[in-house]
């Protein structure tokens, strides 16, 4: 993640269809590649896109509604 431009989770939420609070949960639980600097989390566009593309990882989402 060093060579890629870090963005705040707020900025990532504005770019992708996922909320800032959910990105923070993913960062805290290690499911999103992110780095905490001070009290704020930072990630990359690539890390968020990678998470969104990984259907297996997303299927384990505790907030995903279960139908049936």
PDB file of N, CA and C in Angstrom:
ATOM      1  N   UNK A   1       0.829  -1.184   0.000  1.00  0.00           N
ATOM      2  CA  UNK A   1       0.000   0.000   0.000  1.00  0.00           C
ATOM      3  C   UNK A   1       0.879   1.255   0.000  1.00  0.00           C
ATOM      4  N   UNK A   2       2.158   1.119   0.172  1.00  0.00           N
ATOM      5  CA  UNK A   2       3.058   2.262   0.248  1.00  0.00           C
ATOM      6  C   UNK A   2       3.093   3.081  -1.038  1.00  0.00           C
ATOM      7  N   UNK A   3       3.176   2.421  -2.180  1.00  0.00           N
ATOM      8  CA  UNK A   3       3.354   3.135  -3.444  1.00  0.00           C
ATOM      9  C   UNK A   3       2.059   3.746  -3.982  1.00  0.00           C
ATOM     10  N   UNK A   4       0.934   3.372  -3.426  1.00  0.00           N
ATOM     11  CA  UNK A   4      -0.348   3.886  -3.891  1.00  0.00           C
ATOM     12  C   UNK A   4      -0.771   5.064  -3.026  1.00  0.00           C
ATOM     13  N   UNK A   5      -1.555   5.959  -3.601  1.00  0.00           N
ATOM     14  CA  UNK A   5      -2.004   7.158  -2.896  1.00  0.00           C
ATOM     15  C   UNK A   5      -3.060   6.796  -1.849  1.00  0.00           C
ATOM     16  N   UNK A   6      -2.795   7.151  -0.616  1.00  0.00           N
ATOM     17  CA  UNK A   6      -3.744   6.892   0.461  1.00  0.00           C
ATOM     18  C   UNK A   6      -4.864   7.923   0.419  1.00  0.00           C
ATOM     19  N   UNK A   7      -6.073   7.454   0.685  1.00  0.00           N
ATOM     20  CA  UNK A   7      -7.237   8.334   0.764  1.00  0.00           C
ATOM     21  C   UNK A   7      -7.958   8.051   2.071  1.00  0.00           C
ATOM     22  N   UNK A   8      -8.662   9.038   2.584  1.00  0.00           N
ATOM     23  CA  UNK A   8      -9.427   8.839   3.814  1.00  0.00           C
ATOM     24  C   UNK A   8     -10.636   7.951   3.518  1.00  0.00           C
ATOM     25  N   UNK A   9     -11.194   7.364   4.552  1.00  0.00           N
ATOM     26  CA  UNK A   9     -12.385   6.544   4.360  1.00  0.00           C
ATOM     27  C   UNK A   9     -13.566   7.394   3.906  1.00  0.00           C
ATOM     28  N   UNK A  10     -13.585   8.658   4.317  1.00  0.00           N
ATOM     29  CA  UNK A  10     -14.635   9.573   3.862  1.00  0.00           C
ATOM     30  C   UNK A  10     -14.548   9.759   2.348  1.00  0.00           C
ATOM     31  N   UNK A  11     -13.334   9.945   1.857  1.00  0.00           N
ATOM     32  CA  UNK A  11     -13.130  10.097   0.414  1.00  0.00           C
ATOM     33  C   UNK A  11     -13.469   8.801  -0.321  1.00  0.00           C
ATOM     34  N   UNK A  12     -13.098   7.667   0.253  1.00  0.00           N
ATOM     35  CA  UNK A  12     -13.405   6.370  -0.356  1.00  0.00           C
ATOM     36  C   UNK A  12     -14.913   6.152  -0.424  1.00  0.00           C
ATOM     37  N   UNK A  13     -15.630   6.562   0.628  1.00  0.00           N
ATOM     38  CA  UNK A  13     -17.089   6.400   0.643  1.00  0.00           C
ATOM     39  C   UNK A  13     -17.754   7.257  -0.426  1.00  0.00           C
ATOM     40  N   UNK A  14     -17.155   8.396  -0.737  1.00  0.00           N
ATOM     41  CA  UNK A  14     -17.702   9.262  -1.780  1.00  0.00           C
ATOM     42  C   UNK A  14     -17.469   8.675  -3.169  1.00  0.00           C
ATOM     43  N   UNK A  15     -16.440   7.857  -3.310  1.00  0.00           N
ATOM     44  CA  UNK A  15     -16.086   7.284  -4.614  1.00  0.00           C
ATOM     45  C   UNK A  15     -16.731   5.933  -4.885  1.00  0.00           C
ATOM     46  N   UNK A  16     -17.098   5.215  -3.831  1.00  0.00           N
ATOM     47  CA  UNK A  16     -17.605   3.854  -3.969  1.00  0.00           C
ATOM     48  C   UNK A  16     -18.970   3.720  -3.290  1.00  0.00           C
ATOM     49  N   UNK A  17     -19.759   2.724  -3.683  1.00  0.00           N
ATOM     50  CA  UNK A  17     -21.098   2.538  -3.099  1.00  0.00           C
ATOM     51  C   UNK A  17     -21.057   1.813  -1.750  1.00  0.00           C
ATOM     52  N   UNK A  18     -20.354   2.403  -0.791  1.00  0.00           N
ATOM     53  CA  UNK A  18     -20.220   1.803   0.530  1.00  0.00           C
ATOM     54  C   UNK A  18     -20.013   2.939   1.533  1.00  0.00           C
ATOM     55  N   UNK A  19     -20.624   2.827   2.688  1.00  0.00           N
ATOM     56  CA  UNK A  19     -20.588   3.940   3.643  1.00  0.00           C
ATOM     57  C   UNK A  19     -19.249   4.025   4.374  1.00  0.00           C
ATOM     58  N   UNK A  20     -18.974   5.212   4.880  1.00  0.00           N
ATOM     59  CA  UNK A  20     -17.754   5.442   5.634  1.00  0.00           C
ATOM     60  C   UNK A  20     -17.709   4.576   6.888  1.00  0.00           C
ATOM     61  N   UNK A  21     -18.835   4.444   7.568  1.00  0.00           N
ATOM     62  CA  UNK A  21     -18.858   3.642   8.794  1.00  0.00           C
ATOM     63  C   UNK A  21     -18.607   2.163   8.494  1.00  0.00           C
ATOM     64  N   UNK A  22     -19.124   1.686   7.373  1.00  0.00           N
ATOM     65  CA  UNK A  22     -18.884   0.292   7.013  1.00  0.00           C
ATOM     66  C   UNK A  22     -17.423   0.083   6.611  1.00  0.00           C
ATOM     67  N   UNK A  23     -16.848   1.046   5.900  1.00  0.00           N
ATOM     68  CA  UNK A  23     -15.425   0.959   5.570  1.00  0.00           C
ATOM     69  C   UNK A  23     -14.584   0.919   6.846  1.00  0.00           C
ATOM     70  N   UNK A  24     -14.967   1.696   7.843  1.00  0.00           N
ATOM     71  CA  UNK A  24     -14.233   1.705   9.113  1.00  0.00           C
ATOM     72  C   UNK A  24     -14.320   0.337   9.792  1.00  0.00           C
ATOM     73  N   UNK A  25     -15.501  -0.270   9.766  1.00  0.00           N
ATOM     74  CA  UNK A  25     -15.658  -1.608  10.324  1.00  0.00           C
ATOM     75  C   UNK A  25     -14.754  -2.601   9.596  1.00  0.00           C
ATOM     76  N   UNK A  26     -14.747  -2.530   8.276  1.00  0.00           N
ATOM     77  CA  UNK A  26     -13.908  -3.430   7.486  1.00  0.00           C
ATOM     78  C   UNK A  26     -12.431  -3.216   7.791  1.00  0.00           C
ATOM     79  N   UNK A  27     -12.025  -1.969   7.964  1.00  0.00           N
ATOM     80  CA  UNK A  27     -10.629  -1.668   8.289  1.00  0.00           C
ATOM     81  C   UNK A  27     -10.271  -2.207   9.669  1.00  0.00           C
ATOM     82  N   UNK A  28     -11.137  -1.978  10.650  1.00  0.00           N
ATOM     83  CA  UNK A  28     -10.871  -2.442  12.020  1.00  0.00           C
ATOM     84  C   UNK A  28     -10.775  -3.953  12.104  1.00  0.00           C
ATOM     85  N   UNK A  29     -11.574  -4.648  11.305  1.00  0.00           N
ATOM     86  CA  UNK A  29     -11.592  -6.116  11.360  1.00  0.00           C
ATOM     87  C   UNK A  29     -10.583  -6.755  10.410  1.00  0.00           C
ATOM     88  N   UNK A  30      -9.854  -5.933   9.662  1.00  0.00           N
ATOM     89  CA  UNK A  30      -8.809  -6.453   8.789  1.00  0.00           C
ATOM     90  C   UNK A  30      -9.289  -6.968   7.449  1.00  0.00           C
ATOM     91  N   UNK A  31     -10.562  -6.752   7.115  1.00  0.00           N
ATOM     92  CA  UNK A  31     -11.071  -7.235   5.830  1.00  0.00           C
ATOM     93  C   UNK A  31     -10.822  -6.243   4.708  1.00  0.00           C
ATOM     94  N   UNK A  32     -10.432  -5.018   5.046  1.00  0.00           N
ATOM     95  CA  UNK A  32     -10.065  -3.999   4.066  1.00  0.00           C
ATOM     96  C   UNK A  32      -8.639  -3.578   4.366  1.00  0.00           C
ATOM     97  N   UNK A  33      -7.797  -3.584   3.338  1.00  0.00           N
ATOM     98  CA  UNK A  33      -6.427  -3.129   3.526  1.00  0.00           C
ATOM     99  C   UNK A  33      -6.473  -1.635   3.824  1.00  0.00           C
ATOM    100  N   UNK A  34      -6.064  -1.288   5.034  1.00  0.00           N
ATOM    101  CA  UNK A  34      -6.112   0.104   5.469  1.00  0.00           C
ATOM    102  C   UNK A  34      -5.056   0.320   6.541  1.00  0.00           C
ATOM    103  N   UNK A  35      -4.781   1.579   6.791  1.00  0.00           N
ATOM    104  CA  UNK A  35      -3.787   1.942   7.794  1.00  0.00           C
ATOM    105  C   UNK A  35      -4.365   3.033   8.685  1.00  0.00           C
ATOM    106  N   UNK A  36      -4.158   2.881   9.974  1.00  0.00           N
ATOM    107  CA  UNK A  36      -4.617   3.898  10.920  1.00  0.00           C
ATOM    108  C   UNK A  36      -3.459   4.840  11.202  1.00  0.00           C
ATOM    109  N   UNK A  37      -3.708   6.107  10.983  1.00  0.00           N
ATOM    110  CA  UNK A  37      -2.705   7.122  11.266  1.00  0.00           C
ATOM    111  C   UNK A  37      -3.365   8.127  12.207  1.00  0.00           C
ATOM    112  N   UNK A  38      -2.880   8.147  13.430  1.00  0.00           N
ATOM    113  CA  UNK A  38      -3.553   8.950  14.444  1.00  0.00           C
ATOM    114  C   UNK A  38      -4.871   8.292  14.785  1.00  0.00           C
ATOM    115  N   UNK A  39      -5.945   9.036  14.651  1.00  0.00           N
ATOM    116  CA  UNK A  39      -7.256   8.450  14.927  1.00  0.00           C
ATOM    117  C   UNK A  39      -8.044   8.151  13.666  1.00  0.00           C
ATOM    118  N   UNK A  40      -7.467   8.416  12.507  1.00  0.00           N
ATOM    119  CA  UNK A  40      -8.169   8.240  11.239  1.00  0.00           C
ATOM    120  C   UNK A  40      -7.614   7.065  10.439  1.00  0.00           C
ATOM    121  N   UNK A  41      -8.508   6.433   9.693  1.00  0.00           N
ATOM    122  CA  UNK A  41      -8.138   5.322   8.818  1.00  0.00           C
ATOM    123  C   UNK A  41      -7.966   5.825   7.395  1.00  0.00           C
ATOM    124  N   UNK A  42      -6.999   5.231   6.691  1.00  0.00           N
ATOM    125  CA  UNK A  42      -6.735   5.546   5.297  1.00  0.00           C
ATOM    126  C   UNK A  42      -6.604   4.253   4.517  1.00  0.00           C
ATOM    127  N   UNK A  43      -7.021   4.282   3.270  1.00  0.00           N
ATOM    128  CA  UNK A  43      -6.950   3.124   2.389  1.00  0.00           C
ATOM    129  C   UNK A  43      -6.595   3.627   0.997  1.00  0.00           C
ATOM    130  N   UNK A  44      -6.727   2.758   0.005  1.00  0.00           N
ATOM    131  CA  UNK A  44      -6.482   3.152  -1.381  1.00  0.00           C
ATOM    132  C   UNK A  44      -7.704   2.790  -2.220  1.00  0.00           C
ATOM    133  N   UNK A  45      -7.813   3.435  -3.378  1.00  0.00           N
ATOM    134  CA  UNK A  45      -8.881   3.074  -4.320  1.00  0.00           C
ATOM    135  C   UNK A  45      -8.787   1.599  -4.667  1.00  0.00           C
ATOM    136  N   UNK A  46      -7.564   1.127  -4.868  1.00  0.00           N
ATOM    137  CA  UNK A  46      -7.352  -0.263  -5.261  1.00  0.00           C
ATOM    138  C   UNK A  46      -7.817  -1.235  -4.184  1.00  0.00           C
ATOM    139  N   UNK A  47      -7.566  -0.906  -2.917  1.00  0.00           N
ATOM    140  CA  UNK A  47      -7.974  -1.786  -1.821  1.00  0.00           C
ATOM    141  C   UNK A  47      -9.498  -1.890  -1.729  1.00  0.00           C
ATOM    142  N   UNK A  48     -10.192  -0.763  -1.899  1.00  0.00           N
ATOM    143  CA  UNK A  48     -11.656  -0.787  -1.841  1.00  0.00           C
ATOM    144  C   UNK A  48     -12.211  -1.560  -3.042  1.00  0.00           C
ATOM    145  N   UNK A  49     -11.664  -1.310  -4.216  1.00  0.00           N
ATOM    146  CA  UNK A  49     -12.115  -2.023  -5.412  1.00  0.00           C
ATOM    147  C   UNK A  49     -11.870  -3.525  -5.263  1.00  0.00           C
ATOM    148  N   UNK A  50     -10.748  -3.889  -4.679  1.00  0.00           N
ATOM    149  CA  UNK A  50     -10.426  -5.299  -4.451  1.00  0.00           C
ATOM    150  C   UNK A  50     -11.441  -5.929  -3.490  1.00  0.00           C
ATOM    151  N   UNK A  51     -11.797  -5.231  -2.422  1.00  0.00           N
ATOM    152  CA  UNK A  51     -12.798  -5.742  -1.491  1.00  0.00           C
ATOM    153  C   UNK A  51     -14.142  -5.916  -2.191  1.00  0.00           C
ATOM    154  N   UNK A  52     -14.564  -4.909  -2.940  1.00  0.00           N
ATOM    155  CA  UNK A  52     -15.864  -4.980  -3.611  1.00  0.00           C
ATOM    156  C   UNK A  52     -15.912  -6.086  -4.661  1.00  0.00           C
ATOM    157  N   UNK A  53     -14.782  -6.408  -5.266  1.00  0.00           N
ATOM    158  CA  UNK A  53     -14.729  -7.444  -6.294  1.00  0.00           C
ATOM    159  C   UNK A  53     -14.668  -8.855  -5.698  1.00  0.00           C
ATOM    160  N   UNK A  54     -14.306  -8.971  -4.429  1.00  0.00           N
ATOM    161  CA  UNK A  54     -14.140 -10.277  -3.786  1.00  0.00           C
ATOM    162  C   UNK A  54     -15.476 -10.750  -3.205  1.00  0.00           C
ATOM    163  N   UNK A  55     -16.242 -11.474  -4.003  1.00  0.00           N
ATOM    164  CA  UNK A  55     -17.578 -11.909  -3.576  1.00  0.00           C
ATOM    165  C   UNK A  55     -17.521 -12.863  -2.387  1.00  0.00           C
ATOM    166  N   UNK A  56     -16.484 -13.658  -2.288  1.00  0.00           N
ATOM    167  CA  UNK A  56     -16.366 -14.586  -1.162  1.00  0.00           C
ATOM    168  C   UNK A  56     -16.172 -13.814   0.147  1.00  0.00           C
ATOM    169  N   UNK A  57     -15.318 -12.828   0.136  1.00  0.00           N
ATOM    170  CA  UNK A  57     -15.087 -12.008   1.322  1.00  0.00           C
ATOM    171  C   UNK A  57     -16.341 -11.218   1.681  1.00  0.00           C
ATOM    172  N   UNK A  58     -17.017 -10.665   0.691  1.00  0.00           N
ATOM    173  CA  UNK A  58     -18.233  -9.885   0.940  1.00  0.00           C
ATOM    174  C   UNK A  58     -19.369 -10.758   1.452  1.00  0.00           C
ATOM    175  N   UNK A  59     -19.395 -12.034   1.100  1.00  0.00           N
ATOM    176  CA  UNK A  59     -20.468 -12.916   1.565  1.00  0.00           C
ATOM    177  C   UNK A  59     -20.381 -13.153   3.071  1.00  0.00           C
ATOM    178  N   UNK A  60     -19.228 -12.890   3.675  1.00  0.00           N
ATOM    179  CA  UNK A  60     -19.037 -13.067   5.112  1.00  0.00           C
ATOM    180  C   UNK A  60     -19.364 -11.789   5.887  1.00  0.00           C
ATOM    181  N   UNK A  61     -19.921 -10.826   5.223  1.00  0.00           N
ATOM    182  CA  UNK A  61     -20.239  -9.538   5.817  1.00  0.00           C
ATOM    183  C   UNK A  61     -21.308  -9.716   6.888  1.00  0.00           C
ATOM    184  N   UNK A  62     -21.039  -9.333   8.135  1.00  0.00           N
ATOM    185  CA  UNK A  62     -22.013  -9.550   9.217  1.00  0.00           C
ATOM    186  C   UNK A  62     -23.254  -8.677   9.077  1.00  0.00           C
ATOM    187  N   UNK A  63     -23.185  -7.611   8.310  1.00  0.00           N
ATOM    188  CA  UNK A  63     -24.329  -6.717   8.161  1.00  0.00           C
ATOM    189  C   UNK A  63     -25.166  -7.028   6.928  1.00  0.00           C
ATOM    190  N   UNK A  64     -24.737  -8.002   6.151  1.00  0.00           N
ATOM    191  CA  UNK A  64     -25.496  -8.363   4.965  1.00  0.00           C
ATOM    192  C   UNK A  64     -26.786  -9.040   5.389  1.00  0.00           C
ATOM    193  N   UNK A  65     -27.873  -8.604   4.822  1.00  0.00           N
ATOM    194  CA  UNK A  65     -29.165  -9.186   5.188  1.00  0.00           C
ATOM    195  C   UNK A  65     -29.303 -10.595   4.638  1.00  0.00           C
ATOM    196  N   UNK A  66     -29.793 -11.459   5.471  1.00  0.00           N
ATOM    197  CA  UNK A  66     -30.058 -12.837   5.062  1.00  0.00           C
ATOM    198  C   UNK A  66     -31.553 -12.955   4.737  1.00  0.00           C
ATOM    199  N   UNK A  67     -31.847 -13.362   3.532  1.00  0.00           N
ATOM    200  CA  UNK A  67     -33.249 -13.545   3.118  1.00  0.00           C
ATOM    201  C   UNK A  67     -33.600 -15.012   3.191  1.00  0.00           C
ATOM    202  N   UNK A  68     -34.792 -15.294   3.645  1.00  0.00           N
ATOM    203  CA  UNK A  68     -35.212 -16.688   3.604  1.00  0.00           C
ATOM    204  C   UNK A  68     -35.630 -17.180   4.883  1.00  0.00           C
TER     205      UNK A  68
END
